[in-house]
Amino acid sequence: MNYKKSLALAMVSTLTLTSSSLVFAESDLSSEMSKMVDASSTIKYGPNKGQRYVLGDDMIRESLSKFISNIKIKKISNDRLKCLPEFCIEGQGFSIGFYYKLANEKENIGVLEKFNKDSNKNEYYVFYTEESMIEPIMEILNKDESVSIDTSRNFWQLESQKTRIDTAIMISQASFARAKIAVLVGENSIADSLSAAGLAGDVDGPILLSAKDKLDENLLKELERLHVEQIAICSGDEVISSKVRDELTVKGFKIRDYAGKNRYETSNNIARSMKISGEYIICSGENFNDVPSISQYSYERKLPLLLTRYDKLPIEIDKRLKKGDKCLLVGGALTISPEVVKVLEKKGIINTRLAGKNRFDTSKVILDNLYKGTTSRLAITDKDPIIGIATAPMSVKYKKPLLIQRTNINGYAKDNMDKGHLAFIIK
């Protein structure tokens, strides 16, 4: 059953939790909710099933409080709707939820829940208004430049969306409240995504995906939500067309182009821009299976991820590496050949190789060597390397190192929920 159908049923049939008389008159409830917003030490908000954002600007709080105090409530009931609100504002001792109005409904609906520490029963006040509430509230909240993400919120399972673009947006929404710079990669270009995590870590931004010839509407909304000013593009014109770039420019975004003639040149362009010399990650530019596992480390440490051919260092990568540099090689001898290692050693480069029997084993080896002492995990399947790489910021923000799992990740999530693990299910 979809959300609108479940909400429609909830409008018809409600579950009464208390027989007590109403405490507030219509005008008093608006005033009471406004006072709660003013008095709470923190205000959090967000979609009911999604992430929470922490309000940071006191002037925005004042605007929110004023709007709520002016809500013209038509009627109130003590009934509780059977379905959850679409959007919530939370503070100390209360939650205010809002529902989107259905096409056949004449009223907008909200609910105030007051938490009662002295009993098992919370107080519920369902209120009805003629004017829309969610859109103007979001307009107020979106002006907050000091908002932050609440990484303490405990949600343990995420599912990929209908498209890669929307899945990357979901990851961004769970990981960032604001970001001045976003990294953009073609939605079907695994090669261009390989070095994106290090760049995203360097600018502290999300990894988002774009269609080739059309500026996706949801992508644009996410860029606007984040208050992005610059977009770092890792794909060439044949993957993200000049039409899309021009549209982004018209919308006011500054474009920073890192695309090279090939994936190796792109990885070198990114490394050069990061201005971090002496320490690198080296992965195969031909076998992508191990890259998602190390992307979190690249993001967290802001380390450039350079790409190599199986048996030969690309010229631009060879020129970049100098005597005394430290390189972390990811993948076994079937991924990066002993010949490449010999070249690195001859150049006086200090090498460490992390490798397992397969991608799953390599993922565990990375955890055992780079994340000793951590117990919680962000478990993902190996079905989609691009999404695996885009997940790197979320892994770092929530301090849950990535663990590549086989397809039975649902069972893994349920078995490990008590350990603080977060499962990301890629369909």
Protein backbone atom coordinates (compact mmCIF):
# COMPACT_ATOMS: atom_id res chain seq x y z
CA MET A 1 0.00 0.00 0.00
CA ASN A 2 1.40 3.37 -0.94
CA TYR A 3 1.65 6.35 1.36
CA LYS A 4 -1.37 8.22 0.02
CA LYS A 5 -3.64 5.19 0.36
CA SER A 6 -2.47 4.49 3.91
CA LEU A 7 -2.96 8.14 4.83
CA ALA A 8 -6.45 8.14 3.31
CA LEU A 9 -7.40 5.16 5.46
CA ALA A 10 -5.94 6.88 8.48
CA MET A 11 -8.13 9.91 7.84
CA VAL A 12 -11.23 7.72 7.87
CA SER A 13 -10.27 5.49 10.79
CA THR A 14 -8.39 6.85 13.81
CA LEU A 15 -7.24 5.17 16.99
CA THR A 16 -8.34 7.02 20.13
CA LEU A 17 -5.65 6.95 22.81
CA THR A 18 -7.34 9.04 25.49
CA SER A 19 -10.84 9.97 26.52
CA SER A 20 -9.75 13.14 28.28
CA SER A 21 -11.16 16.45 27.14
CA LEU A 22 -9.12 18.75 24.94
CA VAL A 23 -6.57 20.84 26.80
CA PHE A 24 -6.05 23.55 24.19
CA ALA A 25 -8.29 25.87 22.27
CA GLU A 26 -7.35 26.26 18.61
CA SER A 27 -5.44 29.52 19.05
CA ASP A 28 -3.81 28.29 22.26
CA LEU A 29 -2.32 25.22 20.55
CA SER A 30 -0.46 27.34 17.99
CA SER A 31 0.92 29.49 20.80
CA GLU A 32 1.90 26.43 22.85
CA MET A 33 3.80 24.84 19.96
CA SER A 34 5.59 28.12 19.30
CA LYS A 35 6.67 28.33 22.96
CA MET A 36 7.98 24.76 22.81
CA VAL A 37 10.14 25.63 19.81
CA ASP A 38 11.48 28.69 21.65
CA ALA A 39 12.23 26.82 24.87
CA SER A 40 13.90 23.70 23.49
CA SER A 41 17.72 23.63 23.64
CA THR A 42 17.85 21.93 20.23
CA ILE A 43 15.48 21.68 17.31
CA LYS A 44 15.74 18.81 14.86
CA TYR A 45 13.74 18.29 11.70
CA GLY A 46 13.41 16.05 8.70
CA PRO A 47 11.26 13.46 6.93
CA ASN A 48 9.78 10.96 9.36
CA LYS A 49 11.60 7.97 7.88
CA GLY A 50 14.75 9.87 6.99
CA GLN A 51 17.60 11.76 8.54
CA ARG A 52 17.35 14.53 11.12
CA TYR A 53 18.96 17.93 10.70
CA VAL A 54 19.90 20.11 13.67
CA LEU A 55 18.82 23.75 13.42
CA GLY A 56 21.78 26.04 13.98
CA ASP A 57 20.64 29.62 13.38
CA ASP A 58 18.69 31.36 16.17
CA MET A 59 17.13 33.80 13.72
CA ILE A 60 15.78 30.88 11.69
CA ARG A 61 14.36 29.43 14.91
CA GLU A 62 12.61 32.75 15.58
CA SER A 63 11.11 32.72 12.08
CA LEU A 64 9.94 29.13 12.56
CA SER A 65 8.42 29.95 15.94
CA LYS A 66 6.61 32.97 14.52
CA PHE A 67 5.19 30.95 11.63
CA ILE A 68 3.91 28.24 13.97
CA SER A 69 2.33 30.81 16.31
CA ASN A 70 0.39 32.22 13.35
CA ILE A 71 -0.97 28.87 12.15
CA LYS A 72 -4.77 29.23 12.03
CA ILE A 73 -6.07 25.96 13.42
CA LYS A 74 -9.69 25.13 12.53
CA LYS A 75 -10.17 22.26 14.95
CA ILE A 76 -8.33 19.87 17.27
CA SER A 77 -8.89 16.28 18.32
CA ASN A 78 -7.19 13.92 20.77
CA ASP A 79 -7.25 11.11 18.22
CA ARG A 80 -4.07 9.62 16.85
CA LEU A 81 -3.76 8.91 13.14
CA LYS A 82 -2.72 5.39 12.26
CA CYS A 83 0.01 6.45 9.84
CA LEU A 84 3.12 8.43 10.69
CA PRO A 85 3.63 12.08 9.69
CA GLU A 86 5.54 12.85 6.51
CA PHE A 87 7.69 15.56 8.11
CA CYS A 88 8.63 16.23 11.74
CA ILE A 89 10.01 18.99 13.93
CA GLU A 90 11.42 17.65 17.20
CA GLY A 91 12.49 19.31 20.42
CA GLN A 92 12.82 18.49 24.10
CA GLY A 93 9.64 16.73 25.16
CA PHE A 94 7.70 17.13 21.94
CA SER A 95 7.36 16.37 18.25
CA ILE A 96 5.27 18.25 15.69
CA GLY A 97 4.38 16.18 12.65
CA PHE A 98 2.89 17.29 9.35
CA TYR A 99 1.09 15.41 6.59
CA TYR A 100 0.90 16.28 2.90
CA LYS A 101 -2.67 17.06 1.89
CA LEU A 102 -4.33 14.58 -0.42
CA ALA A 103 -6.01 15.78 -3.60
CA ASN A 104 -9.50 15.03 -2.28
CA GLU A 105 -8.91 16.54 1.15
CA LYS A 106 -9.91 20.09 2.07
CA GLU A 107 -7.70 20.39 5.14
CA ASN A 108 -4.04 20.08 6.01
CA ILE A 109 -3.26 17.92 9.01
CA GLY A 110 -0.63 18.14 11.73
CA VAL A 111 -0.10 16.45 15.07
CA LEU A 112 1.56 17.57 18.29
CA GLU A 113 2.94 14.74 20.41
CA LYS A 114 3.94 15.66 23.96
CA PHE A 115 6.17 13.10 25.63
CA ASN A 116 5.09 12.18 29.14
CA LYS A 117 7.96 10.90 31.29
CA ASP A 118 5.68 10.09 34.24
CA SER A 119 3.43 7.67 32.36
CA ASN A 120 3.47 5.38 29.37
CA LYS A 121 0.94 7.52 27.52
CA ASN A 122 1.99 10.51 25.47
CA GLU A 123 -0.45 13.31 24.70
CA TYR A 124 -1.61 13.70 21.09
CA TYR A 125 -3.28 16.71 19.53
CA VAL A 126 -4.30 16.36 15.88
CA PHE A 127 -4.97 19.74 14.32
CA TYR A 128 -6.47 20.81 11.01
CA THR A 129 -5.72 23.92 8.95
CA GLU A 130 -6.71 25.30 5.57
CA GLU A 131 -3.27 26.61 4.66
CA SER A 132 -0.32 24.43 3.72
CA MET A 133 2.29 23.97 6.43
CA ILE A 134 5.15 21.79 5.16
CA GLU A 135 6.22 23.94 2.20
CA PRO A 136 6.46 27.29 4.04
CA ILE A 137 8.18 25.62 7.00
CA MET A 138 10.74 24.03 4.68
CA GLU A 139 11.27 27.40 3.00
CA ILE A 140 12.16 28.86 6.39
CA LEU A 141 14.41 25.97 7.44
CA ASN A 142 16.27 25.84 4.13
CA LYS A 143 17.65 29.32 4.81
CA ASP A 144 19.73 28.01 7.71
CA GLU A 145 23.42 28.02 6.76
CA SER A 146 24.46 26.62 10.15
CA VAL A 147 22.34 23.48 10.05
CA SER A 148 24.12 20.19 10.75
CA ILE A 149 23.39 16.50 10.30
CA ASP A 150 22.36 14.42 13.30
CA THR A 151 24.57 11.34 13.01
CA SER A 152 23.34 9.99 16.34
CA ARG A 153 19.99 9.04 14.86
CA ASN A 154 19.72 5.26 14.85
CA PHE A 155 18.48 3.87 11.56
CA TRP A 156 19.83 0.55 10.47
CA GLN A 157 18.59 -0.15 6.97
CA LEU A 158 18.51 1.86 3.75
CA GLU A 159 17.35 0.65 0.36
CA SER A 160 18.47 1.86 -3.03
CA GLN A 161 16.00 3.96 -4.98
CA LYS A 162 14.58 3.48 -8.48
CA THR A 163 17.60 5.09 -10.15
CA ARG A 164 21.27 5.51 -9.32
CA ILE A 165 20.77 9.26 -9.34
CA ASP A 166 18.08 9.05 -6.66
CA THR A 167 20.10 6.56 -4.60
CA ALA A 168 23.09 8.91 -4.57
CA ILE A 169 20.74 11.72 -3.51
CA MET A 170 19.42 9.58 -0.65
CA ILE A 171 23.00 8.97 0.51
CA SER A 172 23.70 12.71 0.31
CA GLN A 173 20.59 13.54 2.32
CA ALA A 174 21.63 11.09 5.02
CA SER A 175 25.17 12.48 5.15
CA PHE A 176 25.10 16.24 4.54
CA ALA A 177 23.08 19.20 5.75
CA ARG A 178 25.05 21.66 3.63
CA ALA A 179 27.98 21.39 1.23
CA LYS A 180 29.59 24.21 -0.75
CA ILE A 181 31.11 21.81 -3.27
CA ALA A 182 29.61 18.61 -4.69
CA VAL A 183 31.38 16.01 -6.82
CA LEU A 184 29.46 14.96 -9.93
CA VAL A 185 29.95 11.78 -11.95
CA GLY A 186 28.07 10.26 -14.88
CA GLU A 187 25.42 7.84 -13.64
CA ASN A 188 26.72 4.96 -15.77
CA SER A 189 30.45 5.69 -15.70
CA ILE A 190 32.13 3.43 -13.16
CA ALA A 191 35.54 4.47 -14.47
CA ASP A 192 34.94 8.15 -13.67
CA SER A 193 33.72 7.37 -10.16
CA LEU A 194 36.83 5.46 -9.10
CA SER A 195 38.84 8.47 -7.91
CA ALA A 196 35.87 10.56 -6.76
CA ALA A 197 35.97 9.66 -3.05
CA GLY A 198 39.32 11.31 -2.36
CA LEU A 199 38.19 14.51 -4.07
CA ALA A 200 34.87 14.46 -2.19
CA GLY A 201 36.76 14.09 1.07
CA ASP A 202 39.06 16.96 0.16
CA VAL A 203 36.11 19.32 -0.40
CA ASP A 204 33.89 17.67 2.25
CA GLY A 205 31.07 17.13 -0.20
CA PRO A 206 28.80 14.38 -1.52
CA ILE A 207 29.27 12.26 -4.63
CA LEU A 208 26.24 12.81 -6.85
CA LEU A 209 25.34 11.34 -10.23
CA SER A 210 24.04 12.90 -13.44
CA ALA A 211 22.36 11.73 -16.61
CA LYS A 212 24.21 12.43 -19.84
CA ASP A 213 21.95 14.88 -21.68
CA LYS A 214 19.43 16.07 -19.09
CA LEU A 215 19.77 17.91 -15.80
CA ASP A 216 17.82 15.67 -13.47
CA GLU A 217 15.15 17.55 -11.51
CA ASN A 218 15.85 15.70 -8.27
CA LEU A 219 19.58 16.29 -8.66
CA LEU A 220 18.97 20.03 -9.04
CA LYS A 221 16.76 20.06 -5.93
CA GLU A 222 19.49 18.31 -3.95
CA LEU A 223 22.14 20.76 -5.12
CA GLU A 224 19.86 23.59 -4.03
CA ARG A 225 19.08 21.95 -0.68
CA LEU A 226 22.79 21.62 0.03
CA HIS A 227 23.39 25.26 -0.99
CA VAL A 228 26.10 24.06 -3.38
CA GLU A 229 28.17 26.81 -4.98
CA GLN A 230 30.66 24.76 -7.03
CA ILE A 231 30.40 21.42 -8.81
CA ALA A 232 33.47 19.28 -9.38
CA ILE A 233 32.83 17.17 -12.49
CA CYS A 234 34.85 13.99 -12.93
CA SER A 235 33.29 12.90 -16.23
CA GLY A 236 33.95 14.14 -19.74
CA ASP A 237 31.49 15.61 -22.25
CA GLU A 238 30.69 12.18 -23.64
CA VAL A 239 29.35 11.17 -20.20
CA ILE A 240 27.97 14.48 -18.87
CA SER A 241 27.21 16.58 -21.92
CA SER A 242 27.94 20.25 -22.45
CA LYS A 243 24.17 20.77 -22.38
CA VAL A 244 24.00 19.65 -18.75
CA ARG A 245 27.08 21.69 -17.87
CA ASP A 246 25.58 24.78 -19.50
CA GLU A 247 22.32 24.28 -17.59
CA LEU A 248 24.23 24.05 -14.32
CA THR A 249 26.13 27.22 -15.17
CA VAL A 250 22.89 29.05 -15.98
CA LYS A 251 21.53 27.95 -12.59
CA GLY A 252 24.46 29.76 -10.98
CA PHE A 253 26.83 26.89 -10.19
CA LYS A 254 30.55 27.24 -10.84
CA ILE A 255 31.99 24.27 -12.71
CA ARG A 256 35.37 22.73 -11.88
CA ASP A 257 36.33 20.17 -14.53
CA TYR A 258 38.64 17.30 -13.59
CA ALA A 259 37.92 15.05 -16.55
CA GLY A 260 40.92 13.79 -18.48
CA LYS A 261 41.28 11.91 -21.74
CA ASN A 262 40.92 8.68 -19.80
CA ARG A 263 40.38 7.43 -16.25
CA TYR A 264 44.11 7.48 -15.48
CA GLU A 265 44.48 11.11 -16.47
CA THR A 266 41.34 11.97 -14.50
CA SER A 267 42.78 10.35 -11.37
CA ASN A 268 45.99 12.35 -11.87
CA ASN A 269 44.05 15.60 -12.38
CA ILE A 270 42.23 15.00 -9.12
CA ALA A 271 45.46 14.19 -7.27
CA ARG A 272 47.08 17.38 -8.58
CA SER A 273 44.16 19.52 -7.43
CA MET A 274 44.21 18.07 -3.92
CA LYS A 275 47.71 19.47 -3.32
CA ILE A 276 48.55 16.49 -1.14
CA SER A 277 51.82 14.88 -2.10
CA GLY A 278 53.69 11.95 -0.70
CA GLU A 279 50.87 9.55 0.15
CA TYR A 280 48.55 7.82 -2.30
CA ILE A 281 46.20 4.91 -2.80
CA ILE A 282 46.73 2.88 -5.96
CA CYS A 283 43.94 0.75 -7.42
CA SER A 284 43.33 -1.01 -10.69
CA GLY A 285 41.72 1.04 -13.43
CA GLU A 286 40.54 -2.18 -15.07
CA ASN A 287 39.19 -4.25 -12.18
CA PHE A 288 36.84 -2.13 -10.06
CA ASN A 289 35.80 -4.64 -7.40
CA ASP A 290 38.11 -3.45 -4.62
CA VAL A 291 37.62 0.30 -5.04
CA PRO A 292 34.39 0.69 -2.99
CA SER A 293 36.10 -0.97 0.00
CA ILE A 294 38.93 1.58 0.08
CA SER A 295 36.85 4.63 -0.93
CA GLN A 296 35.92 5.38 2.68
CA TYR A 297 39.61 5.55 3.61
CA SER A 298 40.35 7.76 0.62
CA TYR A 299 37.52 10.09 1.67
CA GLU A 300 38.39 10.12 5.36
CA ARG A 301 42.13 10.68 4.94
CA LYS A 302 41.71 12.93 1.88
CA LEU A 303 44.10 10.70 -0.04
CA PRO A 304 44.26 10.78 -3.84
CA LEU A 305 43.29 7.47 -5.41
CA LEU A 306 45.49 6.85 -8.46
CA LEU A 307 44.66 4.26 -11.10
CA THR A 308 47.04 1.88 -12.79
CA ARG A 309 46.89 -0.65 -15.59
CA TYR A 310 47.44 -4.24 -14.60
CA ASP A 311 51.06 -4.53 -15.69
CA LYS A 312 52.13 -0.95 -16.38
CA LEU A 313 51.93 2.39 -14.62
CA PRO A 314 50.34 5.05 -16.83
CA ILE A 315 52.84 7.75 -17.83
CA GLU A 316 51.11 10.53 -15.88
CA ILE A 317 50.99 8.40 -12.71
CA ASP A 318 54.62 7.34 -13.12
CA LYS A 319 55.66 11.00 -13.34
CA ARG A 320 53.68 11.96 -10.25
CA LEU A 321 55.21 9.38 -7.92
CA LYS A 322 58.54 10.36 -6.37
CA LYS A 323 61.16 8.69 -4.23
CA GLY A 324 60.02 8.40 -0.64
CA ASP A 325 56.30 8.52 -1.46
CA LYS A 326 54.05 6.06 0.35
CA CYS A 327 51.57 4.04 -1.69
CA LEU A 328 48.79 1.78 -0.46
CA LEU A 329 48.10 -0.82 -3.16
CA VAL A 330 44.64 -2.38 -3.02
CA GLY A 331 44.12 -5.73 -4.70
CA GLY A 332 46.11 -8.88 -5.25
CA ALA A 333 48.63 -9.92 -7.89
CA LEU A 334 45.83 -10.64 -10.36
CA THR A 335 44.69 -7.02 -10.04
CA ILE A 336 48.00 -5.15 -9.82
CA SER A 337 50.87 -7.18 -11.22
CA PRO A 338 54.26 -7.79 -9.55
CA GLU A 339 55.80 -5.82 -12.46
CA VAL A 340 54.06 -2.65 -11.28
CA VAL A 341 55.30 -3.26 -7.74
CA LYS A 342 58.86 -3.66 -9.02
CA VAL A 343 58.64 -0.33 -10.85
CA LEU A 344 57.45 1.36 -7.67
CA GLU A 345 60.20 -0.20 -5.60
CA LYS A 346 62.81 0.83 -8.14
CA LYS A 347 61.59 4.42 -7.84
CA GLY A 348 62.17 4.25 -4.08
CA ILE A 349 58.48 4.24 -3.20
CA ILE A 350 57.32 2.63 0.05
CA ASN A 351 54.55 0.16 -0.77
CA THR A 352 51.95 -1.62 1.33
CA ARG A 353 49.54 -4.04 -0.31
CA LEU A 354 46.11 -4.92 1.09
CA ALA A 355 44.52 -7.87 -0.66
CA GLY A 356 42.30 -10.87 -0.06
CA LYS A 357 41.18 -13.88 -2.04
CA ASN A 358 38.23 -11.93 -3.47
CA ARG A 359 36.46 -8.58 -3.09
CA PHE A 360 34.71 -9.69 0.11
CA ASP A 361 37.92 -10.93 1.68
CA THR A 362 39.75 -7.76 0.61
CA SER A 363 37.04 -5.71 2.30
CA LYS A 364 37.68 -7.57 5.56
CA VAL A 365 41.45 -7.19 5.18
CA ILE A 366 41.01 -3.42 4.82
CA LEU A 367 38.87 -3.30 7.96
CA ASP A 368 41.31 -5.44 9.94
CA ASN A 369 44.29 -3.28 8.96
CA LEU A 370 42.88 0.25 8.71
CA TYR A 371 39.97 0.19 11.16
CA LYS A 372 41.21 -1.85 14.09
CA GLY A 373 39.01 -1.60 17.16
CA THR A 374 35.85 -0.56 15.33
CA THR A 375 32.81 -2.78 15.75
CA SER A 376 29.99 -1.10 13.83
CA ARG A 377 29.81 -1.48 10.06
CA LEU A 378 28.08 -0.02 7.03
CA ALA A 379 27.35 -3.18 5.09
CA ILE A 380 26.65 -2.95 1.36
CA THR A 381 26.36 -5.47 -1.43
CA ASP A 382 28.80 -5.67 -4.32
CA LYS A 383 26.11 -5.18 -6.97
CA ASP A 384 26.85 -1.56 -7.89
CA PRO A 385 30.41 -0.19 -7.55
CA ILE A 386 29.33 3.40 -8.31
CA ILE A 387 26.87 3.44 -5.42
CA GLY A 388 29.43 1.69 -3.24
CA ILE A 389 31.87 4.53 -3.88
CA ALA A 390 29.16 7.18 -3.38
CA THR A 391 28.47 5.62 0.03
CA ALA A 392 31.97 6.54 1.29
CA PRO A 393 30.94 9.90 2.85
CA MET A 394 28.10 8.26 4.78
CA SER A 395 30.49 5.62 6.08
CA VAL A 396 32.83 8.30 7.40
CA LYS A 397 30.13 10.60 8.80
CA TYR A 398 28.57 7.78 10.81
CA LYS A 399 31.92 6.20 11.72
CA LYS A 400 30.84 2.88 10.27
CA PRO A 401 33.53 1.43 7.98
CA LEU A 402 32.29 -0.15 4.76
CA LEU A 403 31.98 -3.91 4.61
CA ILE A 404 31.24 -5.52 1.26
CA GLN A 405 28.77 -8.38 1.70
CA ARG A 406 27.18 -10.94 -0.56
CA THR A 407 23.54 -10.64 -1.58
CA ASN A 408 22.04 -11.85 1.73
CA ILE A 409 22.59 -8.48 3.33
CA ASN A 410 19.07 -8.32 4.74
CA GLY A 411 19.82 -11.25 7.00
CA TYR A 412 23.17 -9.71 7.91
CA ALA A 413 21.45 -6.47 8.93
CA LYS A 414 18.96 -8.18 11.23
CA ASP A 415 21.67 -10.34 12.82
CA ASN A 416 23.91 -7.35 13.55
CA MET A 417 21.44 -4.56 14.33
CA ASP A 418 22.28 -4.64 18.05
CA LYS A 419 25.94 -3.95 17.23
CA GLY A 420 25.13 -0.61 15.64
CA HIS A 421 25.59 -1.87 12.10
CA LEU A 422 23.88 -0.08 9.24
CA ALA A 423 22.82 -2.08 6.19
CA PHE A 424 22.58 -0.49 2.78
CA ILE A 425 20.63 -2.74 0.46
CA ILE A 426 21.38 -2.33 -3.24
CA LYS A 427 18.69 -3.99 -5.33
